C-alpha atoms as a PDB file:
ATOM      1  CA  UNK A   1       0.000   0.000   0.000  1.00  0.00           C
ATOM      2  CA  UNK A   2       1.394   3.442  -0.884  1.00  0.00           C
ATOM      3  CA  UNK A   3       2.411   5.734   1.913  1.00  0.00           C
ATOM      4  CA  UNK A   4      -0.439   8.038   2.880  1.00  0.00           C
ATOM      5  CA  UNK A   5       0.209  11.661   1.803  1.00  0.00           C
ATOM      6  CA  UNK A   6      -0.805  13.192   5.166  1.00  0.00           C
ATOM      7  CA  UNK A   7       1.087  13.178   8.425  1.00  0.00           C
ATOM      8  CA  UNK A   8      -0.407  12.637  11.851  1.00  0.00           C
ATOM      9  CA  UNK A   9      -0.304  16.327  12.772  1.00  0.00           C
ATOM     10  CA  UNK A  10      -2.376  17.289   9.727  1.00  0.00           C
ATOM     11  CA  UNK A  11      -4.951  14.640  10.547  1.00  0.00           C
ATOM     12  CA  UNK A  12      -5.276  15.541  14.210  1.00  0.00           C
ATOM     13  CA  UNK A  13      -5.534  19.236  13.345  1.00  0.00           C
ATOM     14  CA  UNK A  14      -8.338  18.519  10.866  1.00  0.00           C
ATOM     15  CA  UNK A  15     -10.123  16.412  13.477  1.00  0.00           C
ATOM     16  CA  UNK A  16      -9.778  19.144  16.087  1.00  0.00           C
ATOM     17  CA  UNK A  17     -11.084  21.863  13.774  1.00  0.00           C
ATOM     18  CA  UNK A  18     -14.150  19.836  12.754  1.00  0.00           C
ATOM     19  CA  UNK A  19     -14.943  19.068  16.390  1.00  0.00           C
ATOM     20  CA  UNK A  20     -14.473  22.696  17.408  1.00  0.00           C
ATOM     21  CA  UNK A  21     -16.686  24.051  14.612  1.00  0.00           C
ATOM     22  CA  UNK A  22     -19.486  21.589  15.353  1.00  0.00           C
ATOM     23  CA  UNK A  23     -19.426  22.353  19.095  1.00  0.00           C
ATOM     24  CA  UNK A  24     -19.730  26.144  18.874  1.00  0.00           C
ATOM     25  CA  UNK A  25     -22.288  27.395  21.424  1.00  0.00           C
ATOM     26  CA  UNK A  26     -25.468  28.668  19.781  1.00  0.00           C
ATOM     27  CA  UNK A  27     -28.502  30.562  21.019  1.00  0.00           C
ATOM     28  CA  UNK A  28     -31.676  30.539  18.936  1.00  0.00           C
ATOM     29  CA  UNK A  29     -34.275  33.138  19.857  1.00  0.00           C
ATOM     30  CA  UNK A  30     -37.706  32.143  18.510  1.00  0.00           C
ATOM     31  CA  UNK A  31     -40.487  34.731  18.370  1.00  0.00           C
ATOM     32  CA  UNK A  32     -43.985  33.457  17.648  1.00  0.00           C
ATOM     33  CA  UNK A  33     -46.810  35.581  16.294  1.00  0.00           C
ATOM     34  CA  UNK A  34     -49.916  34.218  18.030  1.00  0.00           C
ATOM     35  CA  UNK A  35     -51.896  34.447  14.784  1.00  0.00           C
ATOM     36  CA  UNK A  36     -49.762  32.018  12.752  1.00  0.00           C
ATOM     37  CA  UNK A  37     -51.142  28.841  11.220  1.00  0.00           C
ATOM     38  CA  UNK A  38     -51.449  25.955  13.687  1.00  0.00           C
ATOM     39  CA  UNK A  39     -49.805  23.471  11.306  1.00  0.00           C
ATOM     40  CA  UNK A  40     -46.749  25.724  11.025  1.00  0.00           C
ATOM     41  CA  UNK A  41     -46.421  25.977  14.795  1.00  0.00           C
ATOM     42  CA  UNK A  42     -46.803  22.216  15.232  1.00  0.00           C
ATOM     43  CA  UNK A  43     -44.106  21.375  12.679  1.00  0.00           C
ATOM     44  CA  UNK A  44     -41.857  24.127  14.032  1.00  0.00           C
ATOM     45  CA  UNK A  45     -41.953  22.548  17.479  1.00  0.00           C
ATOM     46  CA  UNK A  46     -40.645  19.290  16.024  1.00  0.00           C
ATOM     47  CA  UNK A  47     -38.068  20.867  13.698  1.00  0.00           C
ATOM     48  CA  UNK A  48     -36.521  23.062  16.382  1.00  0.00           C
ATOM     49  CA  UNK A  49     -35.726  20.321  18.876  1.00  0.00           C
ATOM     50  CA  UNK A  50     -31.942  20.471  19.386  1.00  0.00           C
ATOM     51  CA  UNK A  51     -30.035  17.316  18.499  1.00  0.00           C
ATOM     52  CA  UNK A  52     -26.916  18.412  20.398  1.00  0.00           C
ATOM     53  CA  UNK A  53     -26.103  19.978  23.725  1.00  0.00           C
ATOM     54  CA  UNK A  54     -24.560  23.203  22.395  1.00  0.00           C
ATOM     55  CA  UNK A  55     -27.786  24.820  21.171  1.00  0.00           C
ATOM     56  CA  UNK A  56     -30.048  26.760  23.502  1.00  0.00           C
ATOM     57  CA  UNK A  57     -33.530  27.537  22.163  1.00  0.00           C
ATOM     58  CA  UNK A  58     -35.562  30.346  23.718  1.00  0.00           C
ATOM     59  CA  UNK A  59     -39.203  30.666  22.646  1.00  0.00           C
ATOM     60  CA  UNK A  60     -41.451  33.603  23.427  1.00  0.00           C
ATOM     61  CA  UNK A  61     -44.688  35.131  22.162  1.00  0.00           C
ATOM     62  CA  UNK A  62     -44.383  38.267  20.050  1.00  0.00           C
ATOM     63  CA  UNK A  63     -46.099  41.204  21.746  1.00  0.00           C
ATOM     64  CA  UNK A  64     -45.952  45.015  21.386  1.00  0.00           C
ATOM     65  CA  UNK A  65     -43.683  45.013  24.454  1.00  0.00           C
ATOM     66  CA  UNK A  66     -41.176  42.545  22.977  1.00  0.00           C
ATOM     67  CA  UNK A  67     -37.618  43.829  23.251  1.00  0.00           C
ATOM     68  CA  UNK A  68     -34.899  42.284  21.072  1.00  0.00           C
ATOM     69  CA  UNK A  69     -31.591  41.482  22.735  1.00  0.00           C
ATOM     70  CA  UNK A  70     -28.290  41.300  20.884  1.00  0.00           C
ATOM     71  CA  UNK A  71     -26.989  38.096  22.448  1.00  0.00           C
ATOM     72  CA  UNK A  72     -28.685  35.637  20.055  1.00  0.00           C
ATOM     73  CA  UNK A  73     -26.895  33.702  17.313  1.00  0.00           C
ATOM     74  CA  UNK A  74     -30.113  33.921  15.290  1.00  0.00           C
ATOM     75  CA  UNK A  75     -33.550  35.461  15.671  1.00  0.00           C
ATOM     76  CA  UNK A  76     -36.215  33.286  14.062  1.00  0.00           C
ATOM     77  CA  UNK A  77     -39.653  34.845  13.696  1.00  0.00           C
ATOM     78  CA  UNK A  78     -42.791  32.909  12.818  1.00  0.00           C
ATOM     79  CA  UNK A  79     -44.993  35.656  11.403  1.00  0.00           C
ATOM     80  CA  UNK A  80     -48.634  35.788  10.379  1.00  0.00           C
ATOM     81  CA  UNK A  81     -48.039  38.318   7.606  1.00  0.00           C
ATOM     82  CA  UNK A  82     -45.359  40.319   5.799  1.00  0.00           C
ATOM     83  CA  UNK A  83     -46.040  43.547   7.715  1.00  0.00           C
ATOM     84  CA  UNK A  84     -45.214  41.902  11.055  1.00  0.00           C
ATOM     85  CA  UNK A  85     -42.151  40.230   9.542  1.00  0.00           C
ATOM     86  CA  UNK A  86     -40.723  43.467   8.134  1.00  0.00           C
ATOM     87  CA  UNK A  87     -41.218  45.386  11.370  1.00  0.00           C
ATOM     88  CA  UNK A  88     -39.321  42.821  13.436  1.00  0.00           C
ATOM     89  CA  UNK A  89     -36.609  42.377  10.796  1.00  0.00           C
ATOM     90  CA  UNK A  90     -35.935  46.122  10.780  1.00  0.00           C
ATOM     91  CA  UNK A  91     -35.607  46.126  14.574  1.00  0.00           C
ATOM     92  CA  UNK A  92     -33.177  43.193  14.411  1.00  0.00           C
ATOM     93  CA  UNK A  93     -31.146  44.876  11.685  1.00  0.00           C
ATOM     94  CA  UNK A  94     -30.796  48.000  13.820  1.00  0.00           C
ATOM     95  CA  UNK A  95     -29.381  45.895  16.666  1.00  0.00           C
ATOM     96  CA  UNK A  96     -27.072  43.829  14.454  1.00  0.00           C
ATOM     97  CA  UNK A  97     -28.921  40.569  15.121  1.00  0.00           C
ATOM     98  CA  UNK A  98     -29.034  37.948  12.327  1.00  0.00           C
ATOM     99  CA  UNK A  99     -32.742  37.417  11.694  1.00  0.00           C
ATOM    100  CA  UNK A 100     -35.119  35.629   9.355  1.00  0.00           C
ATOM    101  CA  UNK A 101     -38.906  35.507   9.262  1.00  0.00           C
ATOM    102  CA  UNK A 102     -40.893  32.411   8.361  1.00  0.00           C
ATOM    103  CA  UNK A 103     -44.421  32.294   6.969  1.00  0.00           C
ATOM    104  CA  UNK A 104     -46.268  29.262   5.644  1.00  0.00           C
ATOM    105  CA  UNK A 105     -45.231  29.961   2.052  1.00  0.00           C
ATOM    106  CA  UNK A 106     -41.987  31.968   2.272  1.00  0.00           C
ATOM    107  CA  UNK A 107     -38.997  33.073   4.275  1.00  0.00           C
ATOM    108  CA  UNK A 108     -37.998  36.748   4.417  1.00  0.00           C
ATOM    109  CA  UNK A 109     -34.898  38.600   5.560  1.00  0.00           C
ATOM    110  CA  UNK A 110     -33.651  42.179   5.536  1.00  0.00           C
ATOM    111  CA  UNK A 111     -30.526  43.428   3.801  1.00  0.00           C
ATOM    112  CA  UNK A 112     -28.500  46.239   5.344  1.00  0.00           C
ATOM    113  CA  UNK A 113     -28.573  49.518   3.371  1.00  0.00           C
ATOM    114  CA  UNK A 114     -25.532  51.110   1.831  1.00  0.00           C
ATOM    115  CA  UNK A 115     -23.302  53.042   4.203  1.00  0.00           C
ATOM    116  CA  UNK A 116     -24.477  56.583   4.910  1.00  0.00           C
ATOM    117  CA  UNK A 117     -28.116  55.919   4.026  1.00  0.00           C
ATOM    118  CA  UNK A 118     -30.919  56.016   6.571  1.00  0.00           C
ATOM    119  CA  UNK A 119     -32.128  52.533   7.405  1.00  0.00           C
ATOM    120  CA  UNK A 120     -35.802  53.314   7.066  1.00  0.00           C
ATOM    121  CA  UNK A 121     -35.309  54.834   3.614  1.00  0.00           C
ATOM    122  CA  UNK A 122     -33.415  52.035   1.923  1.00  0.00           C
ATOM    123  CA  UNK A 123     -33.817  48.773   3.829  1.00  0.00           C
ATOM    124  CA  UNK A 124     -34.371  45.969   1.342  1.00  0.00           C
ATOM    125  CA  UNK A 125     -36.401  42.857   2.077  1.00  0.00           C
ATOM    126  CA  UNK A 126     -35.744  39.660   0.206  1.00  0.00           C
ATOM    127  CA  UNK A 127     -38.174  36.782   0.045  1.00  0.00           C
ATOM    128  CA  UNK A 128     -37.739  33.182  -0.983  1.00  0.00           C
ATOM    129  CA  UNK A 129     -41.176  31.726  -1.823  1.00  0.00           C
ATOM    130  CA  UNK A 130     -41.767  28.059  -1.038  1.00  0.00           C
ATOM    131  CA  UNK A 131     -44.534  25.848  -2.404  1.00  0.00           C
ATOM    132  CA  UNK A 132     -45.493  22.935  -0.107  1.00  0.00           C
ATOM    133  CA  UNK A 133     -44.906  19.496  -1.598  1.00  0.00           C
ATOM    134  CA  UNK A 134     -48.322  18.334  -0.428  1.00  0.00           C
ATOM    135  CA  UNK A 135     -51.220  19.944   1.370  1.00  0.00           C
ATOM    136  CA  UNK A 136     -50.045  20.672   4.898  1.00  0.00           C
ATOM    137  CA  UNK A 137     -46.496  19.432   4.248  1.00  0.00           C
ATOM    138  CA  UNK A 138     -44.123  22.182   5.363  1.00  0.00           C
ATOM    139  CA  UNK A 139     -40.895  20.179   5.005  1.00  0.00           C
ATOM    140  CA  UNK A 140     -39.863  22.220   1.902  1.00  0.00           C
ATOM    141  CA  UNK A 141     -40.283  25.395   3.949  1.00  0.00           C
ATOM    142  CA  UNK A 142     -37.883  24.226   6.651  1.00  0.00           C
ATOM    143  CA  UNK A 143     -35.475  22.899   4.016  1.00  0.00           C
ATOM    144  CA  UNK A 144     -35.370  26.377   2.467  1.00  0.00           C
ATOM    145  CA  UNK A 145     -34.803  27.820   5.931  1.00  0.00           C
ATOM    146  CA  UNK A 146     -31.886  25.419   6.330  1.00  0.00           C
ATOM    147  CA  UNK A 147     -30.388  26.619   3.047  1.00  0.00           C
ATOM    148  CA  UNK A 148     -30.699  30.221   4.202  1.00  0.00           C
ATOM    149  CA  UNK A 149     -28.916  29.418   7.461  1.00  0.00           C
ATOM    150  CA  UNK A 150     -26.053  27.667   5.645  1.00  0.00           C
ATOM    151  CA  UNK A 151     -25.610  30.614   3.255  1.00  0.00           C
ATOM    152  CA  UNK A 152     -25.936  33.441   5.790  1.00  0.00           C
ATOM    153  CA  UNK A 153     -24.444  31.890   8.931  1.00  0.00           C
ATOM    154  CA  UNK A 154     -21.417  30.251   7.332  1.00  0.00           C
ATOM    155  CA  UNK A 155     -19.059  30.420  10.298  1.00  0.00           C
ATOM    156  CA  UNK A 156     -21.597  28.569  12.451  1.00  0.00           C
ATOM    157  CA  UNK A 157     -23.188  26.433   9.743  1.00  0.00           C
ATOM    158  CA  UNK A 158     -21.631  23.155  10.885  1.00  0.00           C
ATOM    159  CA  UNK A 159     -22.856  23.703  14.446  1.00  0.00           C
ATOM    160  CA  UNK A 160     -26.351  24.465  13.149  1.00  0.00           C
ATOM    161  CA  UNK A 161     -26.288  21.336  10.961  1.00  0.00           C
ATOM    162  CA  UNK A 162     -25.308  19.226  13.964  1.00  0.00           C
ATOM    163  CA  UNK A 163     -28.185  20.572  16.034  1.00  0.00           C
ATOM    164  CA  UNK A 164     -31.100  21.057  13.635  1.00  0.00           C
ATOM    165  CA  UNK A 165     -32.077  18.244  11.307  1.00  0.00           C
ATOM    166  CA  UNK A 166     -33.424  20.529   8.550  1.00  0.00           C
ATOM    167  CA  UNK A 167     -30.024  22.257   8.254  1.00  0.00           C
ATOM    168  CA  UNK A 168     -28.072  19.008   7.777  1.00  0.00           C
ATOM    169  CA  UNK A 169     -28.995  18.262   4.172  1.00  0.00           C
ATOM    170  CA  UNK A 170     -28.296  21.804   2.856  1.00  0.00           C
ATOM    171  CA  UNK A 171     -25.028  21.880   4.806  1.00  0.00           C
ATOM    172  CA  UNK A 172     -23.831  18.536   3.447  1.00  0.00           C
ATOM    173  CA  UNK A 173     -24.786  19.459  -0.111  1.00  0.00           C
ATOM    174  CA  UNK A 174     -22.982  22.804   0.149  1.00  0.00           C
ATOM    175  CA  UNK A 175     -19.884  21.222   1.722  1.00  0.00           C
ATOM    176  CA  UNK A 176     -19.656  18.557  -0.981  1.00  0.00           C
ATOM    177  CA  UNK A 177     -20.059  21.075  -3.802  1.00  0.00           C
ATOM    178  CA  UNK A 178     -17.598  23.615  -2.373  1.00  0.00           C
ATOM    179  CA  UNK A 179     -14.915  20.980  -1.721  1.00  0.00           C
ATOM    180  CA  UNK A 180     -15.429  19.404  -5.153  1.00  0.00           C
ATOM    181  CA  UNK A 181     -14.993  22.762  -6.886  1.00  0.00           C
ATOM    182  CA  UNK A 182     -11.860  23.472  -4.859  1.00  0.00           C
ATOM    183  CA  UNK A 183     -10.355  20.080  -5.685  1.00  0.00           C
ATOM    184  CA  UNK A 184     -11.230  20.498  -9.348  1.00  0.00           C
ATOM    185  CA  UNK A 185      -9.298  23.787  -9.404  1.00  0.00           C
ATOM    186  CA  UNK A 186      -6.315  22.207  -7.633  1.00  0.00           C
ATOM    187  CA  UNK A 187      -6.315  19.240 -10.023  1.00  0.00           C
ATOM    188  CA  UNK A 188      -6.447  21.421 -13.128  1.00  0.00           C
ATOM    189  CA  UNK A 189      -3.210  23.249 -12.259  1.00  0.00           C
ATOM    190  CA  UNK A 190      -0.270  21.571 -14.056  1.00  0.00           C
ATOM    191  CA  UNK A 191       2.267  20.815 -11.331  1.00  0.00           C
ATOM    192  CA  UNK A 192       4.640  17.960 -10.621  1.00  0.00           C
ATOM    193  CA  UNK A 193       2.948  14.536 -10.763  1.00  0.00           C
ATOM    194  CA  UNK A 194       1.499  13.679  -7.365  1.00  0.00           C
ATOM    195  CA  UNK A 195       2.318  17.081  -5.846  1.00  0.00           C
ATOM    196  CA  UNK A 196      -1.377  17.942  -5.584  1.00  0.00           C
ATOM    197  CA  UNK A 197      -2.290  14.699  -3.801  1.00  0.00           C
ATOM    198  CA  UNK A 198      -1.729  15.976  -0.231  1.00  0.00           C
ATOM    199  CA  UNK A 199      -4.016  18.961  -0.877  1.00  0.00           C
ATOM    200  CA  UNK A 200      -6.721  16.838  -2.494  1.00  0.00           C
ATOM    201  CA  UNK A 201      -6.563  14.228   0.245  1.00  0.00           C
ATOM    202  CA  UNK A 202      -6.624  16.799   3.046  1.00  0.00           C
ATOM    203  CA  UNK A 203      -9.695  18.484   1.556  1.00  0.00           C
ATOM    204  CA  UNK A 204     -11.456  15.128   1.306  1.00  0.00           C
ATOM    205  CA  UNK A 205     -10.552  14.307   4.906  1.00  0.00           C
ATOM    206  CA  UNK A 206     -11.942  17.640   6.079  1.00  0.00           C
ATOM    207  CA  UNK A 207     -15.125  16.983   4.111  1.00  0.00           C
ATOM    208  CA  UNK A 208     -15.448  13.502   5.609  1.00  0.00           C
ATOM    209  CA  UNK A 209     -15.049  14.850   9.142  1.00  0.00           C
ATOM    210  CA  UNK A 210     -17.482  17.735   8.644  1.00  0.00           C
ATOM    211  CA  UNK A 211     -20.163  15.392   7.322  1.00  0.00           C
ATOM    212  CA  UNK A 212     -19.650  13.097  10.305  1.00  0.00           C
ATOM    213  CA  UNK A 213     -19.972  16.054  12.677  1.00  0.00           C
ATOM    214  CA  UNK A 214     -23.105  17.234  10.867  1.00  0.00           C
ATOM    215  CA  UNK A 215     -24.660  13.827  11.569  1.00  0.00           C
ATOM    216  CA  UNK A 216     -23.883  14.357  15.254  1.00  0.00           C
ATOM    217  CA  UNK A 217     -21.369  11.520  15.456  1.00  0.00           C
ATOM    218  CA  UNK A 218     -18.093  11.730  17.421  1.00  0.00           C
ATOM    219  CA  UNK A 219     -15.204  13.341  15.540  1.00  0.00           C
ATOM    220  CA  UNK A 220     -11.998  12.297  17.264  1.00  0.00           C
ATOM    221  CA  UNK A 221      -8.872  10.178  16.782  1.00  0.00           C
ATOM    222  CA  UNK A 222     -11.089   7.119  16.645  1.00  0.00           C
ATOM    223  CA  UNK A 223     -11.734   8.071  13.016  1.00  0.00           C
ATOM    224  CA  UNK A 224      -8.097   7.626  11.942  1.00  0.00           C
ATOM    225  CA  UNK A 225      -8.619   4.146  10.492  1.00  0.00           C
ATOM    226  CA  UNK A 226     -11.539   5.387   8.418  1.00  0.00           C
ATOM    227  CA  UNK A 227      -9.476   8.365   7.260  1.00  0.00           C
ATOM    228  CA  UNK A 228      -6.655   6.057   6.190  1.00  0.00           C
ATOM    229  CA  UNK A 229      -9.087   4.091   4.027  1.00  0.00           C
ATOM    230  CA  UNK A 230     -10.516   7.292   2.611  1.00  0.00           C
ATOM    231  CA  UNK A 231      -7.112   8.804   1.787  1.00  0.00           C
ATOM    232  CA  UNK A 232      -6.060   5.563   0.147  1.00  0.00           C
ATOM    233  CA  UNK A 233      -8.870   6.017  -2.370  1.00  0.00           C
ATOM    234  CA  UNK A 234      -7.231   9.271  -3.504  1.00  0.00           C
ATOM    235  CA  UNK A 235      -4.461   7.241  -5.140  1.00  0.00           C
ATOM    236  CA  UNK A 236      -7.102   5.625  -7.310  1.00  0.00           C
ATOM    237  CA  UNK A 237      -8.453   8.980  -8.431  1.00  0.00           C
ATOM    238  CA  UNK A 238      -4.963  10.197  -9.331  1.00  0.00           C
ATOM    239  CA  UNK A 239      -4.230   6.980 -11.229  1.00  0.00           C
ATOM    240  CA  UNK A 240      -7.391   7.520 -13.261  1.00  0.00           C
ATOM    241  CA  UNK A 241      -6.437  11.145 -13.950  1.00  0.00           C
ATOM    242  CA  UNK A 242      -2.985  10.150 -15.213  1.00  0.00           C
ATOM    243  CA  UNK A 243      -4.456   7.507 -17.516  1.00  0.00           C
ATOM    244  CA  UNK A 244      -7.027   9.924 -18.938  1.00  0.00           C
ATOM    245  CA  UNK A 245      -4.406  12.619 -19.520  1.00  0.00           C
ATOM    246  CA  UNK A 246      -2.355  10.079 -21.427  1.00  0.00           C
ATOM    247  CA  UNK A 247      -5.353   9.276 -23.642  1.00  0.00           C
ATOM    248  CA  UNK A 248      -6.297  12.913 -24.323  1.00  0.00           C
ATOM    249  CA  UNK A 249      -3.183  15.023 -23.576  1.00  0.00           C
ATOM    250  CA  UNK A 250      -4.501  18.240 -25.181  1.00  0.00           C
ATOM    251  CA  UNK A 251      -7.331  18.465 -22.657  1.00  0.00           C
ATOM    252  CA  UNK A 252      -5.324  17.104 -19.759  1.00  0.00           C
ATOM    253  CA  UNK A 253      -6.248  19.992 -17.452  1.00  0.00           C
ATOM    254  CA  UNK A 254      -9.963  19.346 -18.044  1.00  0.00           C
ATOM    255  CA  UNK A 255      -9.546  15.618 -17.413  1.00  0.00           C
ATOM    256  CA  UNK A 256      -7.705  16.248 -14.152  1.00  0.00           C
ATOM    257  CA  UNK A 257     -10.323  18.766 -13.043  1.00  0.00           C
ATOM    258  CA  UNK A 258     -13.156  16.365 -13.879  1.00  0.00           C
ATOM    259  CA  UNK A 259     -11.556  13.585 -11.847  1.00  0.00           C
ATOM    260  CA  UNK A 260     -10.845  15.940  -8.950  1.00  0.00           C
ATOM    261  CA  UNK A 261     -14.452  17.133  -8.956  1.00  0.00           C
ATOM    262  CA  UNK A 262     -16.108  13.753  -9.501  1.00  0.00           C
ATOM    263  CA  UNK A 263     -13.866  11.910  -7.070  1.00  0.00           C
ATOM    264  CA  UNK A 264     -14.590  14.408  -4.301  1.00  0.00           C
ATOM    265  CA  UNK A 265     -18.310  14.278  -5.050  1.00  0.00           C
ATOM    266  CA  UNK A 266     -18.153  10.498  -4.669  1.00  0.00           C
ATOM    267  CA  UNK A 267     -16.261  10.752  -1.383  1.00  0.00           C
ATOM    268  CA  UNK A 268     -18.815  13.222  -0.017  1.00  0.00           C
ATOM    269  CA  UNK A 269     -21.835  11.171  -1.019  1.00  0.00           C
ATOM    270  CA  UNK A 270     -20.323   7.976   0.303  1.00  0.00           C
ATOM    271  CA  UNK A 271     -19.394   9.697   3.576  1.00  0.00           C
ATOM    272  CA  UNK A 272     -22.923  11.047   3.956  1.00  0.00           C
ATOM    273  CA  UNK A 273     -24.418   7.614   3.413  1.00  0.00           C
ATOM    274  CA  UNK A 274     -21.863   6.011   5.702  1.00  0.00           C
ATOM    275  CA  UNK A 275     -22.569   8.349   8.605  1.00  0.00           C
ATOM    276  CA  UNK A 276     -26.309   8.012   8.016  1.00  0.00           C
ATOM    277  CA  UNK A 277     -25.827   4.321   8.823  1.00  0.00           C
ATOM    278  CA  UNK A 278     -24.131   5.127  12.112  1.00  0.00           C
ATOM    279  CA  UNK A 279     -20.510   5.501  11.055  1.00  0.00           C
ATOM    280  CA  UNK A 280     -18.978   2.177  12.130  1.00  0.00           C
ATOM    281  CA  UNK A 281     -15.767   1.047  10.453  1.00  0.00           C
ATOM    282  CA  UNK A 282     -17.139  -2.390   9.548  1.00  0.00           C
ATOM    283  CA  UNK A 283     -19.593  -0.818   7.109  1.00  0.00           C
ATOM    284  CA  UNK A 284     -17.274   1.690   5.451  1.00  0.00           C
ATOM    285  CA  UNK A 285     -15.945  -0.578   2.713  1.00  0.00           C
ATOM    286  CA  UNK A 286     -19.473  -1.699   1.858  1.00  0.00           C
ATOM    287  CA  UNK A 287     -20.629   1.906   1.679  1.00  0.00           C
ATOM    288  CA  UNK A 288     -17.747   2.932  -0.591  1.00  0.00           C
ATOM    289  CA  UNK A 289     -18.537   0.001  -2.865  1.00  0.00           C
ATOM    290  CA  UNK A 290     -22.211   0.950  -2.956  1.00  0.00           C
ATOM    291  CA  UNK A 291     -23.583  -1.976  -0.947  1.00  0.00           C
ATOM    292  CA  UNK A 292     -25.045   0.116   1.887  1.00  0.00           C
ATOM    293  CA  UNK A 293     -28.717   0.817   2.373  1.00  0.00           C
ATOM    294  CA  UNK A 294     -28.573   4.070   4.263  1.00  0.00           C
ATOM    295  CA  UNK A 295     -30.333   7.358   4.244  1.00  0.00           C
ATOM    296  CA  UNK A 296     -27.797   9.321   2.257  1.00  0.00           C
ATOM    297  CA  UNK A 297     -28.096  13.018   1.669  1.00  0.00           C
ATOM    298  CA  UNK A 298     -31.887  12.840   1.951  1.00  0.00           C
ATOM    299  CA  UNK A 299     -31.623  11.995   5.652  1.00  0.00           C
ATOM    300  CA  UNK A 300     -34.692   9.777   5.398  1.00  0.00           C
ATOM    301  CA  UNK A 301     -34.179   6.410   7.033  1.00  0.00           C
ATOM    302  CA  UNK A 302     -34.559   3.477   4.707  1.00  0.00           C
ATOM    303  CA  UNK A 303     -34.172   5.593   1.552  1.00  0.00           C
ATOM    304  CA  UNK A 304     -30.900   5.614  -0.332  1.00  0.00           C
ATOM    305  CA  UNK A 305     -29.792   8.421  -2.625  1.00  0.00           C
ATOM    306  CA  UNK A 306     -26.681   6.556  -3.752  1.00  0.00           C
ATOM    307  CA  UNK A 307     -25.966   7.108  -7.423  1.00  0.00           C
ATOM    308  CA  UNK A 308     -24.124   4.793  -9.860  1.00  0.00           C
ATOM    309  CA  UNK A 309     -21.256   7.333  -9.748  1.00  0.00           C
ATOM    310  CA  UNK A 310     -20.727   6.658  -6.041  1.00  0.00           C
ATOM    311  CA  UNK A 311     -20.452   2.942  -6.716  1.00  0.00           C
ATOM    312  CA  UNK A 312     -18.210   3.134  -9.749  1.00  0.00           C
ATOM    313  CA  UNK A 313     -15.552   5.441  -8.315  1.00  0.00           C
ATOM    314  CA  UNK A 314     -14.638   2.859  -5.709  1.00  0.00           C
ATOM    315  CA  UNK A 315     -14.061  -0.030  -8.058  1.00  0.00           C
ATOM    316  CA  UNK A 316     -10.500  -0.792  -9.039  1.00  0.00           C
ATOM    317  CA  UNK A 317      -9.482   2.222 -11.109  1.00  0.00           C
ATOM    318  CA  UNK A 318      -7.340   0.407 -13.629  1.00  0.00           C
ATOM    319  CA  UNK A 319     -10.154  -1.995 -14.470  1.00  0.00           C
ATOM    320  CA  UNK A 320     -12.253   0.960 -15.610  1.00  0.00           C
ATOM    321  CA  UNK A 321      -9.823   1.637 -18.458  1.00  0.00           C
ATOM    322  CA  UNK A 322      -9.307  -1.917 -19.640  1.00  0.00           C
ATOM    323  CA  UNK A 323     -10.904  -2.972 -22.949  1.00  0.00           C
ATOM    324  CA  UNK A 324     -14.505  -4.055 -22.523  1.00  0.00           C
ATOM    325  CA  UNK A 325     -15.134  -7.762 -22.112  1.00  0.00           C
ATOM    326  CA  UNK A 326     -18.258  -9.896 -22.284  1.00  0.00           C
ATOM    327  CA  UNK A 327     -18.409  -9.941 -18.486  1.00  0.00           C
ATOM    328  CA  UNK A 328     -20.037  -6.952 -16.822  1.00  0.00           C
ATOM    329  CA  UNK A 329     -17.888  -5.253 -14.215  1.00  0.00           C
ATOM    330  CA  UNK A 330     -19.013  -5.757 -10.610  1.00  0.00           C
ATOM    331  CA  UNK A 331     -21.209  -3.013  -9.236  1.00  0.00           C
ATOM    332  CA  UNK A 332     -22.387  -1.835 -12.668  1.00  0.00           C
END
């Protein structure tokens, strides 16, 4: 087996950072307009149950006497109408409190005006409309709220994903995409053969750890064996890239970028499915090979979102480039 391209200090640092990010203390201030739809309030009560011990949720009824404090990580308002939402969002903006308002069919937030302009004259409100999947099904609404939190609370997004189930899927999707794009850019740069492997592997390790933390599973040195197996797969991706560059040298940069992107996507999806199954080492190889039956990115137990890409990347790389035979490759 080739020597792994990461040293112990890099691995332990990555583990420590993922654990630290996921354990950030959070305070969620929830304001409830007493006139909101009962179905929204019922589903909100379920969605806002913390999954970890580092999130404190404070719920109170919105009244004319309500005073906003600046010590919240996020102010979440369940509003009956847009007028109520805009009034509270302006007050939060004045106090520098991150805030978002939720109605049954949309989420709304305020954007700070340009410097030197009076807030009341130029405050801009942005709305993301959401159509329910079925009558009374507000899951798409909370999924859109999760996307907003990942985009606007980036420094705390992993901690939110660990604590609120509706943030997990948007966080994992964003983490996989961002890391894949970064690895594609690294792979496309023509440098010495193999010189990019430590960077690619480290990014994939960080992605693996962040996904595990988002699922609320322990992120510590107990994951080193899994990381070793994961990093070993990077050699396969690089072998494929070298073979493809040899076949089409003119577009070598594009081939390397495609492998860097696709390989990281496969790692992320496999990691998500693996941690959905509980994250035990015995099942990792099966998950990488596509034999798991987990929840995947969807987060729904018993439903797999595993794609053929996830299965194929983890077959023996060289066999993918051999001439076709009459026998179908395993896992196809």
